[in-house]
Structure formats: C-alpha cells, structure tokens
Amino acid sequence: MSRFRVFTRVVSEIMGFFEAILYGFVQGATEYLPVSSSAHLLLLPRFLGKSDPGLAFDVILHLGTLLATAVYFFRDWLVILMNPLPSSGKKRVSHLSWVHLVVGTLPAVLAGVFFNSWIKENTRAISILWFTLPAFGVLLWWVDKRCPKERKLGEARIRDVFLVGCMQCFALIPGVSRSGSTITASRLLGFTRADSARISFLLSLPITLGAVVYEARNWEEVAASVQGIEPLVLGCLSALLFGALAIHFLIKWVSKSGFAAFAVYRVILAALIFFLL
C-alpha cells in the first residue's frame, strides 16, 4: 500500500509539472501570437477539468513572458536606454524611445485602473469569446489586406503609439488579444507587418510589468495560492522559452504570409467553443 501511495504521489507530481509546462506554453505562445492569451487561459482549465491554478501562477506566467520580451529584444532595450528621446530628421533611427513607450502604455494603464474590475465582472463568460475571437481576427486580416505596408519602426510618431496604445485597451476583454489589437492598429497606420509586430512586442514589456506589479500587490493572496515552488519555476521557464520562440516565429511568418492563418484559427476556435462549451 505504501508503494502504491508513493507511486500515485510521483504520478501526481509529474502531472503537476506537465500542467505547469503546458500553462507556460499556452501563455508564452498566445501572448505574442494574435490569438488571445486570455481566451486560451480561460479555456485551458475547463478542458483539463481543473480549477484555476491561482494568482501566484498567473503572476509567474506573466513574469515569464516579461522576461521573454526583455531577453529577445535585449539590444533594442539597450538602444532605447541610450537614446531615451524621440529622434527626428536625419538623426531618425529604427527604434522607439522612452517617450514612445510611456505614451503608448498610458491608455492601457488608465483603462486597467478604472475599468479592470468592471470588465472582469462582466466579460469573463465563455460566450463572449464567440464574438471577440472571430471579430477581431477578421478585423486584423481585413486591415492587413487593405492598408499599405510602407512605414518603418523609426518613422513612428508620438501620436502613432498613442493610437496603438488606445487600441491596446481592448485587450482587457477576453478574446481580443493584446498583440492582435496593437498589430491591427499599427497596420492601420501603414507600418510594415514585421515592424507592426515589433511595435506590439516592445509595448508589451511595460504593460506586462505593470500587470505583474498590479497582481502582486496583494502579496498575501499570492503567497496563499502557492502550491509548490517547482511548478512556478517550470511555468515561468516554459512561458519564457515559448514566448521567445513565438516572437521569433511571428516576425518571420508575417513578413511572408500575413495574418490570414490566425484569423482562420480564431474563427475555428470560436466555433469549437460554441459547440463544445
């Protein structure tokens, strides 16, 4: 009997580790691909037949994607640190500045402070995904097909990133996708597909950092939801690894193939949710 108990405990731990890696994979991949990480993380526990893993795990997953953005764009962050103000004229270079990042992040911060509680209470139903997943996926595809692809990252003006930041506010609603909404706005402004993705990814670091700090402010609740250090570490590393791979994949993919595949995926996922849930 003791051997059986040891065996079941080992199996339970392995399954716990597998789930941690799976959550990290889903968070890392869907945070950057325009398919909505919030929708997938809302659905994953239901498909696994599990309860929500808790606030601590949510914080650690976001920390993993935060590190993915920081590591992948390490050189970009160095350039930004050395050149904090916007460039212009002949001195214009291919990077954003501190001012761009602050202005692009401010709308989402204000939206989160004033509307996050209301949005969580009124938009967490699975049924909202029936609309948000296909609608915003088709919108991204349509904008990408209709708009020119001429502007480069170095041509981004303050008002451009402000408009992208305003579009980022919609990502508070499950199924919209933060990367999808910001890429849609950037493409609407005429930026190339690859640079639209870069703008989205660079803007993700400050808003993700803000989300981690905001969620971790209730440190007692975070500590109470910890169910072991190993799953947290695995989840963080998984989100970091798969997040970096997703960034690399999307930049390479959209340069050649566009966003049609993601729109189709979102429509199919919404249909599956409708019929299965």
Protein backbone atom coordinates (compact mmCIF):
# COMPACT_ATOMS: atom_id res chain seq x y z
CA MET A 1 0.00 0.00 0.00
CA SER A 2 2.85 2.36 0.85
CA ARG A 3 4.44 1.69 -2.53
CA PHE A 4 1.14 2.45 -4.24
CA ARG A 5 0.88 5.74 -2.36
CA VAL A 6 4.43 6.66 -3.35
CA PHE A 7 3.62 5.77 -6.95
CA THR A 8 0.43 7.88 -7.01
CA ARG A 9 2.27 10.80 -5.39
CA VAL A 10 5.02 10.63 -8.04
CA VAL A 11 2.43 10.45 -10.83
CA SER A 12 0.58 13.41 -9.32
CA GLU A 13 3.79 15.45 -9.18
CA ILE A 14 4.66 14.57 -12.78
CA MET A 15 1.19 15.59 -13.93
CA GLY A 16 1.53 18.81 -11.94
CA PHE A 17 4.85 19.55 -13.64
CA PHE A 18 3.34 18.74 -17.04
CA GLU A 19 0.43 21.10 -16.39
CA ALA A 20 2.85 23.86 -15.33
CA ILE A 21 4.81 23.46 -18.57
CA LEU A 22 1.55 23.36 -20.56
CA TYR A 23 0.30 26.57 -18.95
CA GLY A 24 3.65 28.22 -19.68
CA PHE A 25 3.48 27.07 -23.29
CA VAL A 26 -0.05 28.44 -23.73
CA GLN A 27 0.81 31.75 -22.04
CA GLY A 28 4.09 32.17 -23.93
CA ALA A 29 2.74 31.29 -27.37
CA THR A 30 -0.62 33.06 -27.19
CA GLU A 31 0.71 36.21 -25.53
CA TYR A 32 2.56 37.10 -28.72
CA LEU A 33 0.60 35.35 -31.44
CA PRO A 34 -2.58 37.33 -32.26
CA VAL A 35 -4.94 34.64 -30.90
CA SER A 36 -5.65 35.96 -27.35
CA SER A 37 -3.80 34.54 -24.35
CA SER A 38 -6.69 35.45 -22.01
CA ALA A 39 -9.11 33.33 -24.06
CA HIS A 40 -6.80 30.31 -24.04
CA LEU A 41 -6.02 30.59 -20.32
CA LEU A 42 -9.74 30.92 -19.63
CA LEU A 43 -10.41 27.73 -21.62
CA LEU A 44 -7.45 25.59 -20.55
CA PRO A 45 -8.66 24.70 -17.01
CA ARG A 46 -12.06 23.71 -18.42
CA PHE A 47 -10.50 21.33 -20.96
CA LEU A 48 -8.17 19.89 -18.29
CA GLY A 49 -11.04 19.53 -15.83
CA LYS A 50 -9.09 21.54 -13.26
CA SER A 51 -9.74 24.64 -11.19
CA ASP A 52 -7.90 27.91 -11.81
CA PRO A 53 -4.23 27.44 -10.75
CA GLY A 54 -4.28 30.60 -8.63
CA LEU A 55 -2.96 34.16 -8.52
CA ALA A 56 0.67 33.18 -7.86
CA PHE A 57 0.76 31.08 -11.01
CA ASP A 58 -0.84 33.89 -13.01
CA VAL A 59 1.84 36.30 -11.79
CA ILE A 60 4.67 33.89 -12.57
CA LEU A 61 3.37 33.20 -16.10
CA HIS A 62 3.30 36.93 -16.85
CA LEU A 63 6.80 37.21 -15.39
CA GLY A 64 7.93 34.56 -17.88
CA THR A 65 6.59 36.47 -20.89
CA LEU A 66 8.03 39.69 -19.45
CA LEU A 67 11.46 38.03 -19.41
CA ALA A 68 10.91 36.72 -22.96
CA THR A 69 10.36 40.26 -24.24
CA ALA A 70 13.33 41.58 -22.28
CA VAL A 71 15.69 38.83 -23.49
CA TYR A 72 14.61 38.70 -27.14
CA PHE A 73 14.79 42.47 -27.61
CA PHE A 74 17.85 42.93 -25.38
CA ARG A 75 19.71 45.01 -27.98
CA ASP A 76 16.64 47.16 -28.62
CA TRP A 77 16.34 47.93 -24.92
CA LEU A 78 19.99 48.95 -24.80
CA VAL A 79 19.45 51.35 -27.70
CA ILE A 80 16.33 52.74 -26.03
CA LEU A 81 18.20 53.25 -22.75
CA MET A 82 20.97 55.15 -24.53
CA ASN A 83 18.53 57.19 -26.64
CA PRO A 84 15.54 57.99 -24.39
CA LEU A 85 14.10 60.84 -26.50
CA PRO A 86 12.42 60.55 -29.93
CA SER A 87 14.73 61.13 -32.91
CA SER A 88 13.79 63.20 -35.93
CA GLY A 89 15.03 64.31 -39.34
CA LYS A 90 18.36 62.89 -40.46
CA LYS A 91 19.03 61.54 -36.96
CA ARG A 92 15.97 59.28 -37.06
CA VAL A 93 16.87 55.69 -36.21
CA SER A 94 14.95 52.43 -36.16
CA HIS A 95 13.84 52.27 -32.54
CA LEU A 96 11.23 53.58 -30.16
CA SER A 97 12.07 55.86 -27.24
CA TRP A 98 11.08 56.11 -23.60
CA VAL A 99 8.57 58.75 -24.59
CA HIS A 100 7.00 56.41 -27.15
CA LEU A 101 6.73 53.62 -24.57
CA VAL A 102 5.22 55.86 -21.89
CA VAL A 103 2.67 57.43 -24.25
CA GLY A 104 1.81 54.03 -25.78
CA THR A 105 1.34 52.40 -22.38
CA LEU A 106 -0.60 55.16 -20.60
CA PRO A 107 -4.06 54.46 -22.18
CA ALA A 108 -3.99 50.79 -21.15
CA VAL A 109 -2.83 51.70 -17.64
CA LEU A 110 -5.71 54.15 -17.19
CA ALA A 111 -8.18 51.65 -18.66
CA GLY A 112 -6.90 48.96 -16.30
CA VAL A 113 -7.12 51.20 -13.23
CA PHE A 114 -10.64 52.46 -13.92
CA PHE A 115 -12.31 49.60 -15.79
CA ASN A 116 -10.46 46.36 -14.97
CA SER A 117 -12.79 45.34 -12.13
CA TRP A 118 -15.91 46.02 -14.18
CA ILE A 119 -14.50 44.16 -17.19
CA LYS A 120 -13.61 41.11 -15.05
CA GLU A 121 -17.10 41.02 -13.58
CA ASN A 122 -18.95 41.45 -16.88
CA THR A 123 -16.81 39.90 -19.64
CA ARG A 124 -15.45 36.65 -18.17
CA ALA A 125 -18.23 34.49 -19.61
CA ILE A 126 -17.17 31.91 -22.19
CA SER A 127 -19.93 33.14 -24.50
CA ILE A 128 -18.15 36.46 -25.13
CA LEU A 129 -15.42 34.51 -26.94
CA TRP A 130 -17.97 33.56 -29.61
CA PHE A 131 -17.86 37.19 -30.72
CA THR A 132 -14.42 38.56 -29.79
CA LEU A 133 -12.32 35.73 -31.23
CA PRO A 134 -13.69 35.80 -34.82
CA ALA A 135 -14.49 39.54 -34.93
CA PHE A 136 -11.04 40.79 -34.00
CA GLY A 137 -9.32 38.06 -36.03
CA VAL A 138 -11.22 39.02 -39.19
CA LEU A 139 -10.59 42.71 -38.43
CA LEU A 140 -6.83 42.09 -38.30
CA TRP A 141 -6.92 40.18 -41.59
CA TRP A 142 -9.06 42.85 -43.31
CA VAL A 143 -6.89 45.75 -42.13
CA ASP A 144 -3.74 43.90 -43.16
CA LYS A 145 -5.12 43.33 -46.68
CA ARG A 146 -6.38 46.89 -47.15
CA CYS A 147 -3.64 49.05 -45.68
CA PRO A 148 -0.23 49.92 -47.20
CA LYS A 149 2.94 48.36 -45.83
CA GLU A 150 5.46 51.17 -46.17
CA ARG A 151 6.28 52.79 -42.83
CA LYS A 152 9.23 51.62 -40.73
CA LEU A 153 9.67 51.49 -36.97
CA GLY A 154 11.86 54.60 -36.97
CA GLU A 155 9.02 56.60 -38.51
CA ALA A 156 6.75 56.08 -35.52
CA ARG A 157 5.48 59.37 -34.12
CA ILE A 158 4.13 60.02 -30.65
CA ARG A 159 0.55 60.16 -31.90
CA ASP A 160 1.05 56.81 -33.67
CA VAL A 161 2.00 54.95 -30.50
CA PHE A 162 -0.77 56.76 -28.60
CA LEU A 163 -3.34 55.38 -31.05
CA VAL A 164 -1.79 51.92 -30.81
CA GLY A 165 -1.92 52.26 -27.02
CA CYS A 166 -5.62 53.16 -27.16
CA MET A 167 -6.29 50.03 -29.21
CA GLN A 168 -4.33 48.03 -26.62
CA CYS A 169 -7.06 48.87 -24.06
CA PHE A 170 -9.43 46.44 -25.79
CA ALA A 171 -7.11 43.59 -24.79
CA LEU A 172 -8.63 43.71 -21.30
CA ILE A 173 -11.60 41.90 -22.86
CA PRO A 174 -11.03 38.13 -23.24
CA GLY A 175 -10.69 37.01 -26.83
CA VAL A 176 -9.47 40.33 -28.23
CA SER A 177 -5.69 39.70 -27.97
CA ARG A 178 -3.23 42.37 -26.92
CA SER A 179 -0.80 41.60 -29.74
CA GLY A 180 -3.67 41.30 -32.24
CA SER A 181 -5.19 44.67 -31.30
CA THR A 182 -1.88 46.55 -31.34
CA ILE A 183 -0.74 44.95 -34.61
CA THR A 184 -4.11 45.85 -36.15
CA ALA A 185 -3.65 49.49 -35.10
CA SER A 186 -0.07 49.59 -36.39
CA ARG A 187 -1.07 48.09 -39.73
CA LEU A 188 -3.93 50.60 -39.95
CA LEU A 189 -1.30 53.34 -39.60
CA GLY A 190 0.67 51.86 -42.50
CA PHE A 191 3.57 50.17 -40.72
CA THR A 192 5.05 47.04 -42.28
CA ARG A 193 3.91 43.70 -40.91
CA ALA A 194 7.24 42.96 -39.20
CA ASP A 195 7.53 46.42 -37.68
CA SER A 196 3.89 46.31 -36.57
CA ALA A 197 4.78 43.16 -34.66
CA ARG A 198 7.89 44.81 -33.19
CA ILE A 199 5.87 47.82 -32.01
CA SER A 200 3.42 45.43 -30.37
CA PHE A 201 6.15 43.42 -28.66
CA LEU A 202 8.09 46.45 -27.42
CA LEU A 203 4.91 47.96 -25.97
CA SER A 204 4.19 44.65 -24.24
CA LEU A 205 7.07 44.96 -21.74
CA PRO A 206 5.87 48.00 -19.76
CA ILE A 207 2.24 46.90 -19.72
CA THR A 208 3.19 43.34 -18.70
CA LEU A 209 5.45 44.72 -15.97
CA GLY A 210 2.55 46.84 -14.77
CA ALA A 211 0.27 43.78 -14.77
CA VAL A 212 2.78 41.76 -12.71
CA VAL A 213 3.15 44.56 -10.15
CA TYR A 214 -0.62 45.10 -10.05
CA GLU A 215 -1.39 41.43 -9.50
CA ALA A 216 1.41 41.00 -6.96
CA ARG A 217 0.25 43.96 -4.85
CA ASN A 218 -1.90 41.55 -2.81
CA TRP A 219 1.15 39.58 -1.78
CA GLU A 220 -0.71 37.72 0.98
CA GLU A 221 -3.21 36.35 -1.55
CA VAL A 222 -0.37 35.49 -3.92
CA ALA A 223 1.53 33.65 -1.17
CA ALA A 224 -1.60 31.78 -0.10
CA SER A 225 -2.09 30.41 -3.63
CA VAL A 226 1.44 28.96 -3.89
CA GLN A 227 1.22 25.16 -4.17
CA GLY A 228 4.92 24.43 -4.56
CA ILE A 229 7.99 26.15 -5.94
CA GLU A 230 8.74 23.65 -8.71
CA PRO A 231 5.55 24.26 -10.75
CA LEU A 232 6.11 28.02 -10.51
CA VAL A 233 9.66 27.72 -11.79
CA LEU A 234 8.64 25.36 -14.61
CA GLY A 235 5.74 27.60 -15.60
CA CYS A 236 7.95 30.68 -15.69
CA LEU A 237 10.70 29.00 -17.72
CA SER A 238 8.15 27.49 -20.10
CA ALA A 239 6.49 30.89 -20.68
CA LEU A 240 9.94 32.44 -21.22
CA LEU A 241 11.06 29.80 -23.73
CA PHE A 242 7.86 29.53 -25.74
CA GLY A 243 7.31 33.28 -25.58
CA ALA A 244 10.70 33.95 -27.18
CA LEU A 245 10.02 31.29 -29.83
CA ALA A 246 6.60 32.83 -30.55
CA ILE A 247 8.14 36.29 -31.03
CA HIS A 248 10.71 34.91 -33.47
CA PHE A 249 8.13 32.84 -35.32
CA LEU A 250 5.62 35.66 -35.75
CA ILE A 251 8.16 38.18 -37.07
CA LYS A 252 9.39 35.65 -39.64
CA TRP A 253 5.91 34.37 -40.53
CA VAL A 254 4.10 37.66 -41.11
CA SER A 255 6.88 39.02 -43.31
CA LYS A 256 5.96 36.37 -45.89
CA SER A 257 2.46 35.10 -45.12
CA GLY A 258 0.39 37.76 -43.37
CA PHE A 259 -2.31 37.17 -40.75
CA ALA A 260 -4.94 35.12 -42.59
CA ALA A 261 -3.98 31.87 -40.81
CA PHE A 262 -4.54 33.46 -37.40
CA ALA A 263 -7.95 34.80 -38.45
CA VAL A 264 -8.98 31.32 -39.62
CA TYR A 265 -7.71 29.77 -36.37
CA ARG A 266 -9.72 32.24 -34.29
CA VAL A 267 -12.92 31.54 -36.25
CA ILE A 268 -12.44 27.77 -35.87
CA LEU A 269 -11.70 28.11 -32.14
CA ALA A 270 -14.83 30.22 -31.61
CA ALA A 271 -16.91 27.59 -33.43
CA LEU A 272 -15.44 24.79 -31.31
CA ILE A 273 -16.19 26.76 -28.13
CA PHE A 274 -19.76 27.30 -29.29
CA PHE A 275 -20.42 23.63 -29.98
CA LEU A 276 -18.38 22.07 -27.16
CA LEU A 277 -18.94 24.51 -24.29
